[in-house]
Amino acid sequence: VRGRFTISGDNPKNTVSLQMNSLKPEDTAVYYCA
């Protein structure tokens, strides 16, 4: 996913986002936050 996805966080440690660009069929999945 490097170069297509970008992860970022918003203080104060409450939210993390994943911007997913140029998506491919093989990106199909259930996505889990941890």
ModelCIF file with pLDDT and N, C-alpha, C, O atoms, coordinates in Angstrom:
data_MODEL
#
_entry.id   MODEL 
#
_entity.id                         1 
_entity.type                       polymer 
_entity.pdbx_number_of_molecules   1 
#
_entity_poly.entity_id                      1 
_entity_poly.type                           'polypeptide(L)' 
_entity_poly.nstd_linkage                   no 
_entity_poly.nstd_monomer                   no 
_entity_poly.pdbx_seq_one_letter_code       VRGRFTISGDNPKNTVSLQMNSLKPEDTAVYYCA 
_entity_poly.pdbx_seq_one_letter_code_can   VRGRFTISGDNPKNTVSLQMNSLKPEDTAVYYCA 
_entity_poly.pdbx_strand_id                 A 
#
loop_
_entity_poly_seq.entity_id 
_entity_poly_seq.num 
_entity_poly_seq.mon_id 
_entity_poly_seq.hetero 
1 1  VAL n 
1 2  ARG n 
1 3  GLY n 
1 4  ARG n 
1 5  PHE n 
1 6  THR n 
1 7  ILE n 
1 8  SER n 
1 9  GLY n 
1 10 ASP n 
1 11 ASN n 
1 12 PRO n 
1 13 LYS n 
1 14 ASN n 
1 15 THR n 
1 16 VAL n 
1 17 SER n 
1 18 LEU n 
1 19 GLN n 
1 20 MET n 
1 21 ASN n 
1 22 SER n 
1 23 LEU n 
1 24 LYS n 
1 25 PRO n 
1 26 GLU n 
1 27 ASP n 
1 28 THR n 
1 29 ALA n 
1 30 VAL n 
1 31 TYR n 
1 32 TYR n 
1 33 CYS n 
1 34 ALA n 
#
_struct_asym.id          A 
_struct_asym.entity_id   1 
#
loop_
_ma_qa_metric.id 
_ma_qa_metric.mode 
_ma_qa_metric.name 
_ma_qa_metric.software_group_id 
_ma_qa_metric.type 
1 global pLDDT . pLDDT 
2 local  pLDDT . pLDDT 
#
_ma_qa_metric_global.metric_id      1 
_ma_qa_metric_global.metric_value   93.74 
_ma_qa_metric_global.model_id       1 
_ma_qa_metric_global.ordinal_id     1 
#
loop_
_ma_qa_metric_local.label_asym_id 
_ma_qa_metric_local.label_comp_id 
_ma_qa_metric_local.label_seq_id 
_ma_qa_metric_local.metric_id 
_ma_qa_metric_local.metric_value 
_ma_qa_metric_local.model_id 
_ma_qa_metric_local.ordinal_id 
A VAL 1  2 98.00 1 1  
A ARG 2  2 97.00 1 2  
A GLY 3  2 97.00 1 3  
A ARG 4  2 98.00 1 4  
A PHE 5  2 98.00 1 5  
A THR 6  2 98.00 1 6  
A ILE 7  2 97.00 1 7  
A SER 8  2 95.00 1 8  
A GLY 9  2 93.00 1 9  
A ASP 10 2 87.00 1 10 
A ASN 11 2 73.00 1 11 
A PRO 12 2 67.00 1 12 
A LYS 13 2 59.00 1 13 
A ASN 14 2 83.00 1 14 
A THR 15 2 93.00 1 15 
A VAL 16 2 96.00 1 16 
A SER 17 2 97.00 1 17 
A LEU 18 2 98.00 1 18 
A GLN 19 2 98.00 1 19 
A MET 20 2 98.00 1 20 
A ASN 21 2 98.00 1 21 
A SER 22 2 98.00 1 22 
A LEU 23 2 98.00 1 23 
A LYS 24 2 97.00 1 24 
A PRO 25 2 97.00 1 25 
A GLU 26 2 96.00 1 26 
A ASP 27 2 98.00 1 27 
A THR 28 2 98.00 1 28 
A ALA 29 2 98.00 1 29 
A VAL 30 2 98.00 1 30 
A TYR 31 2 98.00 1 31 
A TYR 32 2 98.00 1 32 
A CYS 33 2 98.00 1 33 
A ALA 34 2 97.00 1 34 
#
loop_
_atom_site.group_PDB 
_atom_site.id 
_atom_site.type_symbol 
_atom_site.label_atom_id 
_atom_site.label_alt_id 
_atom_site.label_comp_id 
_atom_site.label_asym_id 
_atom_site.label_entity_id 
_atom_site.label_seq_id 
_atom_site.pdbx_PDB_ins_code 
_atom_site.Cartn_x 
_atom_site.Cartn_y 
_atom_site.Cartn_z 
_atom_site.occupancy 
_atom_site.B_iso_or_equiv 
_atom_site.pdbx_formal_charge 
_atom_site.auth_seq_id 
_atom_site.auth_comp_id 
_atom_site.auth_asym_id 
_atom_site.auth_atom_id 
_atom_site.pdbx_PDB_model_num 
ATOM 1   N N  . VAL A 1 1  ? 0.814   -1.223 0.000  1.00 98.00 ? 1  VAL A N  1 
ATOM 2   C CA . VAL A 1 1  ? 0.000   0.000  0.000  1.00 98.00 ? 1  VAL A CA 1 
ATOM 3   C C  . VAL A 1 1  ? 0.842   1.265  0.000  1.00 98.00 ? 1  VAL A C  1 
ATOM 4   O O  . VAL A 1 1  ? 0.308   2.364  -0.150 1.00 98.00 ? 1  VAL A O  1 
ATOM 5   N N  . ARG A 1 2  ? 2.150   1.124  0.167  1.00 97.00 ? 2  ARG A N  1 
ATOM 6   C CA . ARG A 1 2  ? 3.009   2.314  0.234  1.00 97.00 ? 2  ARG A CA 1 
ATOM 7   C C  . ARG A 1 2  ? 2.880   3.120  -1.054 1.00 97.00 ? 2  ARG A C  1 
ATOM 8   O O  . ARG A 1 2  ? 2.953   2.573  -2.155 1.00 97.00 ? 2  ARG A O  1 
ATOM 9   N N  . GLY A 1 3  ? 2.689   4.419  -0.900 1.00 97.00 ? 3  GLY A N  1 
ATOM 10  C CA . GLY A 1 3  ? 2.520   5.295  -2.050 1.00 97.00 ? 3  GLY A CA 1 
ATOM 11  C C  . GLY A 1 3  ? 1.071   5.491  -2.456 1.00 97.00 ? 3  GLY A C  1 
ATOM 12  O O  . GLY A 1 3  ? 0.756   6.421  -3.199 1.00 97.00 ? 3  GLY A O  1 
ATOM 13  N N  . ARG A 1 4  ? 0.187   4.630  -1.978 1.00 98.00 ? 4  ARG A N  1 
ATOM 14  C CA . ARG A 1 4  ? -1.244  4.756  -2.291 1.00 98.00 ? 4  ARG A CA 1 
ATOM 15  C C  . ARG A 1 4  ? -2.057  5.133  -1.047 1.00 98.00 ? 4  ARG A C  1 
ATOM 16  O O  . ARG A 1 4  ? -3.032  5.879  -1.145 1.00 98.00 ? 4  ARG A O  1 
ATOM 17  N N  . PHE A 1 5  ? -1.662  4.625  0.104  1.00 98.00 ? 5  PHE A N  1 
ATOM 18  C CA . PHE A 1 5  ? -2.379  4.873  1.349  1.00 98.00 ? 5  PHE A CA 1 
ATOM 19  C C  . PHE A 1 5  ? -1.565  5.816  2.223  1.00 98.00 ? 5  PHE A C  1 
ATOM 20  O O  . PHE A 1 5  ? -0.335  5.799  2.201  1.00 98.00 ? 5  PHE A O  1 
ATOM 21  N N  . THR A 1 6  ? -2.273  6.642  2.996  1.00 98.00 ? 6  THR A N  1 
ATOM 22  C CA . THR A 1 6  ? -1.631  7.547  3.939  1.00 98.00 ? 6  THR A CA 1 
ATOM 23  C C  . THR A 1 6  ? -2.344  7.461  5.275  1.00 98.00 ? 6  THR A C  1 
ATOM 24  O O  . THR A 1 6  ? -3.562  7.623  5.354  1.00 98.00 ? 6  THR A O  1 
ATOM 25  N N  . ILE A 1 7  ? -1.567  7.203  6.335  1.00 97.00 ? 7  ILE A N  1 
ATOM 26  C CA . ILE A 1 7  ? -2.130  7.142  7.680  1.00 97.00 ? 7  ILE A CA 1 
ATOM 27  C C  . ILE A 1 7  ? -1.770  8.431  8.398  1.00 97.00 ? 7  ILE A C  1 
ATOM 28  O O  . ILE A 1 7  ? -0.668  8.956  8.240  1.00 97.00 ? 7  ILE A O  1 
ATOM 29  N N  . SER A 1 8  ? -2.709  8.936  9.187  1.00 95.00 ? 8  SER A N  1 
ATOM 30  C CA . SER A 1 8  ? -2.462  10.166 9.938  1.00 95.00 ? 8  SER A CA 1 
ATOM 31  C C  . SER A 1 8  ? -3.214  10.104 11.250 1.00 95.00 ? 8  SER A C  1 
ATOM 32  O O  . SER A 1 8  ? -4.159  9.331  11.412 1.00 95.00 ? 8  SER A O  1 
ATOM 33  N N  . GLY A 1 9  ? -2.773  10.939 12.191 1.00 93.00 ? 9  GLY A N  1 
ATOM 34  C CA . GLY A 1 9  ? -3.408  10.940 13.496 1.00 93.00 ? 9  GLY A CA 1 
ATOM 35  C C  . GLY A 1 9  ? -3.770  12.340 13.922 1.00 93.00 ? 9  GLY A C  1 
ATOM 36  O O  . GLY A 1 9  ? -3.068  13.299 13.599 1.00 93.00 ? 9  GLY A O  1 
ATOM 37  N N  . ASP A 1 10 ? -4.869  12.463 14.651 1.00 87.00 ? 10 ASP A N  1 
ATOM 38  C CA . ASP A 1 10 ? -5.324  13.738 15.190 1.00 87.00 ? 10 ASP A CA 1 
ATOM 39  C C  . ASP A 1 10 ? -5.228  13.699 16.708 1.00 87.00 ? 10 ASP A C  1 
ATOM 40  O O  . ASP A 1 10 ? -5.816  12.839 17.364 1.00 87.00 ? 10 ASP A O  1 
ATOM 41  N N  . ASN A 1 11 ? -4.470  14.652 17.253 1.00 73.00 ? 11 ASN A N  1 
ATOM 42  C CA . ASN A 1 11 ? -4.383  14.744 18.710 1.00 73.00 ? 11 ASN A CA 1 
ATOM 43  C C  . ASN A 1 11 ? -5.711  15.189 19.298 1.00 73.00 ? 11 ASN A C  1 
ATOM 44  O O  . ASN A 1 11 ? -6.507  15.778 18.568 1.00 73.00 ? 11 ASN A O  1 
ATOM 45  N N  . PRO A 1 12 ? -6.000  14.947 20.560 1.00 67.00 ? 12 PRO A N  1 
ATOM 46  C CA . PRO A 1 12 ? -5.117  14.236 21.475 1.00 67.00 ? 12 PRO A CA 1 
ATOM 47  C C  . PRO A 1 12 ? -5.372  12.732 21.486 1.00 67.00 ? 12 PRO A C  1 
ATOM 48  O O  . PRO A 1 12 ? -6.113  12.215 22.323 1.00 67.00 ? 12 PRO A O  1 
ATOM 49  N N  . LYS A 1 13 ? -4.736  12.036 20.527 1.00 59.00 ? 13 LYS A N  1 
ATOM 50  C CA . LYS A 1 13 ? -4.759  10.583 20.475 1.00 59.00 ? 13 LYS A CA 1 
ATOM 51  C C  . LYS A 1 13 ? -6.172  10.033 20.381 1.00 59.00 ? 13 LYS A C  1 
ATOM 52  O O  . LYS A 1 13 ? -6.481  8.976  20.929 1.00 59.00 ? 13 LYS A O  1 
ATOM 53  N N  . ASN A 1 14 ? -7.002  10.750 19.696 1.00 83.00 ? 14 ASN A N  1 
ATOM 54  C CA . ASN A 1 14 ? -8.374  10.295 19.600 1.00 83.00 ? 14 ASN A CA 1 
ATOM 55  C C  . ASN A 1 14 ? -8.727  9.620  18.290 1.00 83.00 ? 14 ASN A C  1 
ATOM 56  O O  . ASN A 1 14 ? -9.536  8.692  18.281 1.00 83.00 ? 14 ASN A O  1 
ATOM 57  N N  . THR A 1 15 ? -8.145  10.059 17.181 1.00 93.00 ? 15 THR A N  1 
ATOM 58  C CA . THR A 1 15 ? -8.546  9.570  15.879 1.00 93.00 ? 15 THR A CA 1 
ATOM 59  C C  . THR A 1 15 ? -7.351  9.305  14.973 1.00 93.00 ? 15 THR A C  1 
ATOM 60  O O  . THR A 1 15 ? -6.425  10.111 14.882 1.00 93.00 ? 15 THR A O  1 
ATOM 61  N N  . VAL A 1 16 ? -7.394  8.165  14.311 1.00 96.00 ? 16 VAL A N  1 
ATOM 62  C CA . VAL A 1 16 ? -6.425  7.852  13.270 1.00 96.00 ? 16 VAL A CA 1 
ATOM 63  C C  . VAL A 1 16 ? -7.194  7.599  11.982 1.00 96.00 ? 16 VAL A C  1 
ATOM 64  O O  . VAL A 1 16 ? -8.207  6.901  11.972 1.00 96.00 ? 16 VAL A O  1 
ATOM 65  N N  . SER A 1 17 ? -6.693  8.181  10.896 1.00 97.00 ? 17 SER A N  1 
ATOM 66  C CA . SER A 1 17 ? -7.358  8.034  9.607  1.00 97.00 ? 17 SER A CA 1 
ATOM 67  C C  . SER A 1 17 ? -6.459  7.333  8.603  1.00 97.00 ? 17 SER A C  1 
ATOM 68  O O  . SER A 1 17 ? -5.233  7.378  8.700  1.00 97.00 ? 17 SER A O  1 
ATOM 69  N N  . LEU A 1 18 ? -7.086  6.694  7.651  1.00 98.00 ? 18 LEU A N  1 
ATOM 70  C CA . LEU A 1 18 ? -6.364  6.025  6.575  1.00 98.00 ? 18 LEU A CA 1 
ATOM 71  C C  . LEU A 1 18 ? -6.953  6.488  5.251  1.00 98.00 ? 18 LEU A C  1 
ATOM 72  O O  . LEU A 1 18 ? -8.060  6.095  4.883  1.00 98.00 ? 18 LEU A O  1 
ATOM 73  N N  . GLN A 1 19 ? -6.212  7.320  4.543  1.00 98.00 ? 19 GLN A N  1 
ATOM 74  C CA . GLN A 1 19 ? -6.630  7.780  3.223  1.00 98.00 ? 19 GLN A CA 1 
ATOM 75  C C  . GLN A 1 19 ? -6.145  6.775  2.195  1.00 98.00 ? 19 GLN A C  1 
ATOM 76  O O  . GLN A 1 19 ? -4.946  6.530  2.064  1.00 98.00 ? 19 GLN A O  1 
ATOM 77  N N  . MET A 1 20 ? -7.092  6.196  1.465  1.00 98.00 ? 20 MET A N  1 
ATOM 78  C CA . MET A 1 20 ? -6.764  5.150  0.509  1.00 98.00 ? 20 MET A CA 1 
ATOM 79  C C  . MET A 1 20 ? -7.064  5.646  -0.903 1.00 98.00 ? 20 MET A C  1 
ATOM 80  O O  . MET A 1 20 ? -8.217  5.897  -1.255 1.00 98.00 ? 20 MET A O  1 
ATOM 81  N N  . ASN A 1 21 ? -6.014  5.783  -1.701 1.00 98.00 ? 21 ASN A N  1 
ATOM 82  C CA . ASN A 1 21 ? -6.146  6.236  -3.080 1.00 98.00 ? 21 ASN A CA 1 
ATOM 83  C C  . ASN A 1 21 ? -5.742  5.126  -4.043 1.00 98.00 ? 21 ASN A C  1 
ATOM 84  O O  . ASN A 1 21 ? -5.108  4.146  -3.654 1.00 98.00 ? 21 ASN A O  1 
ATOM 85  N N  . SER A 1 22 ? -6.117  5.297  -5.292 1.00 98.00 ? 22 SER A N  1 
ATOM 86  C CA . SER A 1 22 ? -5.766  4.316  -6.334 1.00 98.00 ? 22 SER A CA 1 
ATOM 87  C C  . SER A 1 22 ? -6.102  2.895  -5.887 1.00 98.00 ? 22 SER A C  1 
ATOM 88  O O  . SER A 1 22 ? -5.285  1.980  -5.994 1.00 98.00 ? 22 SER A O  1 
ATOM 89  N N  . LEU A 1 23 ? -7.308  2.739  -5.391 1.00 98.00 ? 23 LEU A N  1 
ATOM 90  C CA . LEU A 1 23 ? -7.710  1.443  -4.845 1.00 98.00 ? 23 LEU A CA 1 
ATOM 91  C C  . LEU A 1 23 ? -7.784  0.376  -5.930 1.00 98.00 ? 23 LEU A C  1 
ATOM 92  O O  . LEU A 1 23 ? -8.139  0.648  -7.077 1.00 98.00 ? 23 LEU A O  1 
ATOM 93  N N  . LYS A 1 24 ? -7.440  -0.838 -5.535 1.00 97.00 ? 24 LYS A N  1 
ATOM 94  C CA . LYS A 1 24 ? -7.433  -1.989 -6.433 1.00 97.00 ? 24 LYS A CA 1 
ATOM 95  C C  . LYS A 1 24 ? -8.403  -3.046 -5.901 1.00 97.00 ? 24 LYS A C  1 
ATOM 96  O O  . LYS A 1 24 ? -8.691  -3.063 -4.704 1.00 97.00 ? 24 LYS A O  1 
ATOM 97  N N  . PRO A 1 25 ? -8.906  -3.919 -6.760 1.00 97.00 ? 25 PRO A N  1 
ATOM 98  C CA . PRO A 1 25 ? -9.789  -4.985 -6.268 1.00 97.00 ? 25 PRO A CA 1 
ATOM 99  C C  . PRO A 1 25 ? -9.145  -5.816 -5.164 1.00 97.00 ? 25 PRO A C  1 
ATOM 100 O O  . PRO A 1 25 ? -9.840  -6.301 -4.271 1.00 97.00 ? 25 PRO A O  1 
ATOM 101 N N  . GLU A 1 26 ? -7.837  -5.984 -5.214 1.00 96.00 ? 26 GLU A N  1 
ATOM 102 C CA . GLU A 1 26 ? -7.164  -6.769 -4.167 1.00 96.00 ? 26 GLU A CA 1 
ATOM 103 C C  . GLU A 1 26 ? -7.099  -6.058 -2.830 1.00 96.00 ? 26 GLU A C  1 
ATOM 104 O O  . GLU A 1 26 ? -6.647  -6.642 -1.845 1.00 96.00 ? 26 GLU A O  1 
ATOM 105 N N  . ASP A 1 27 ? -7.541  -4.806 -2.772 1.00 98.00 ? 27 ASP A N  1 
ATOM 106 C CA . ASP A 1 27 ? -7.641  -4.099 -1.494 1.00 98.00 ? 27 ASP A CA 1 
ATOM 107 C C  . ASP A 1 27 ? -8.947  -4.436 -0.775 1.00 98.00 ? 27 ASP A C  1 
ATOM 108 O O  . ASP A 1 27 ? -9.151  -4.024 0.367  1.00 98.00 ? 27 ASP A O  1 
ATOM 109 N N  . THR A 1 28 ? -9.822  -5.178 -1.433 1.00 98.00 ? 28 THR A N  1 
ATOM 110 C CA . THR A 1 28 ? -11.092 -5.560 -0.819 1.00 98.00 ? 28 THR A CA 1 
ATOM 111 C C  . THR A 1 28 ? -10.856 -6.422 0.412  1.00 98.00 ? 28 THR A C  1 
ATOM 112 O O  . THR A 1 28 ? -10.177 -7.447 0.356  1.00 98.00 ? 28 THR A O  1 
ATOM 113 N N  . ALA A 1 29 ? -11.433 -5.981 1.527  1.00 98.00 ? 29 ALA A N  1 
ATOM 114 C CA . ALA A 1 29 ? -11.228 -6.680 2.797  1.00 98.00 ? 29 ALA A CA 1 
ATOM 115 C C  . ALA A 1 29 ? -12.032 -5.974 3.881  1.00 98.00 ? 29 ALA A C  1 
ATOM 116 O O  . ALA A 1 29 ? -12.579 -4.891 3.677  1.00 98.00 ? 29 ALA A O  1 
ATOM 117 N N  . VAL A 1 30 ? -12.084 -6.619 5.031  1.00 98.00 ? 30 VAL A N  1 
ATOM 118 C CA . VAL A 1 30 ? -12.554 -5.933 6.241  1.00 98.00 ? 30 VAL A CA 1 
ATOM 119 C C  . VAL A 1 30 ? -11.329 -5.277 6.865  1.00 98.00 ? 30 VAL A C  1 
ATOM 120 O O  . VAL A 1 30 ? -10.316 -5.935 7.104  1.00 98.00 ? 30 VAL A O  1 
ATOM 121 N N  . TYR A 1 31 ? -11.425 -3.996 7.122  1.00 98.00 ? 31 TYR A N  1 
ATOM 122 C CA . TYR A 1 31 ? -10.321 -3.231 7.682  1.00 98.00 ? 31 TYR A CA 1 
ATOM 123 C C  . TYR A 1 31 ? -10.542 -3.027 9.175  1.00 98.00 ? 31 TYR A C  1 
ATOM 124 O O  . TYR A 1 31 ? -11.608 -2.587 9.607  1.00 98.00 ? 31 TYR A O  1 
ATOM 125 N N  . TYR A 1 32 ? -9.515  -3.355 9.954  1.00 98.00 ? 32 TYR A N  1 
ATOM 126 C CA . TYR A 1 32 ? -9.585  -3.256 11.403 1.00 98.00 ? 32 TYR A CA 1 
ATOM 127 C C  . TYR A 1 32 ? -8.598  -2.223 11.915 1.00 98.00 ? 32 TYR A C  1 
ATOM 128 O O  . TYR A 1 32 ? -7.457  -2.139 11.461 1.00 98.00 ? 32 TYR A O  1 
ATOM 129 N N  . CYS A 1 33 ? -9.068  -1.444 12.867 1.00 98.00 ? 33 CYS A N  1 
ATOM 130 C CA . CYS A 1 33 ? -8.204  -0.511 13.576 1.00 98.00 ? 33 CYS A CA 1 
ATOM 131 C C  . CYS A 1 33 ? -7.689  -1.202 14.831 1.00 98.00 ? 33 CYS A C  1 
ATOM 132 O O  . CYS A 1 33 ? -8.398  -1.995 15.449 1.00 98.00 ? 33 CYS A O  1 
ATOM 133 N N  . ALA A 1 34 ? -6.453  -0.896 15.201 1.00 97.00 ? 34 ALA A N  1 
ATOM 134 C CA . ALA A 1 34 ? -5.863  -1.494 16.398 1.00 97.00 ? 34 ALA A CA 1 
ATOM 135 C C  . ALA A 1 34 ? -5.037  -0.452 17.136 1.00 97.00 ? 34 ALA A C  1 
ATOM 136 O O  . ALA A 1 34 ? -4.452  -0.753 18.177 1.00 97.00 ? 34 ALA A O  1 
#
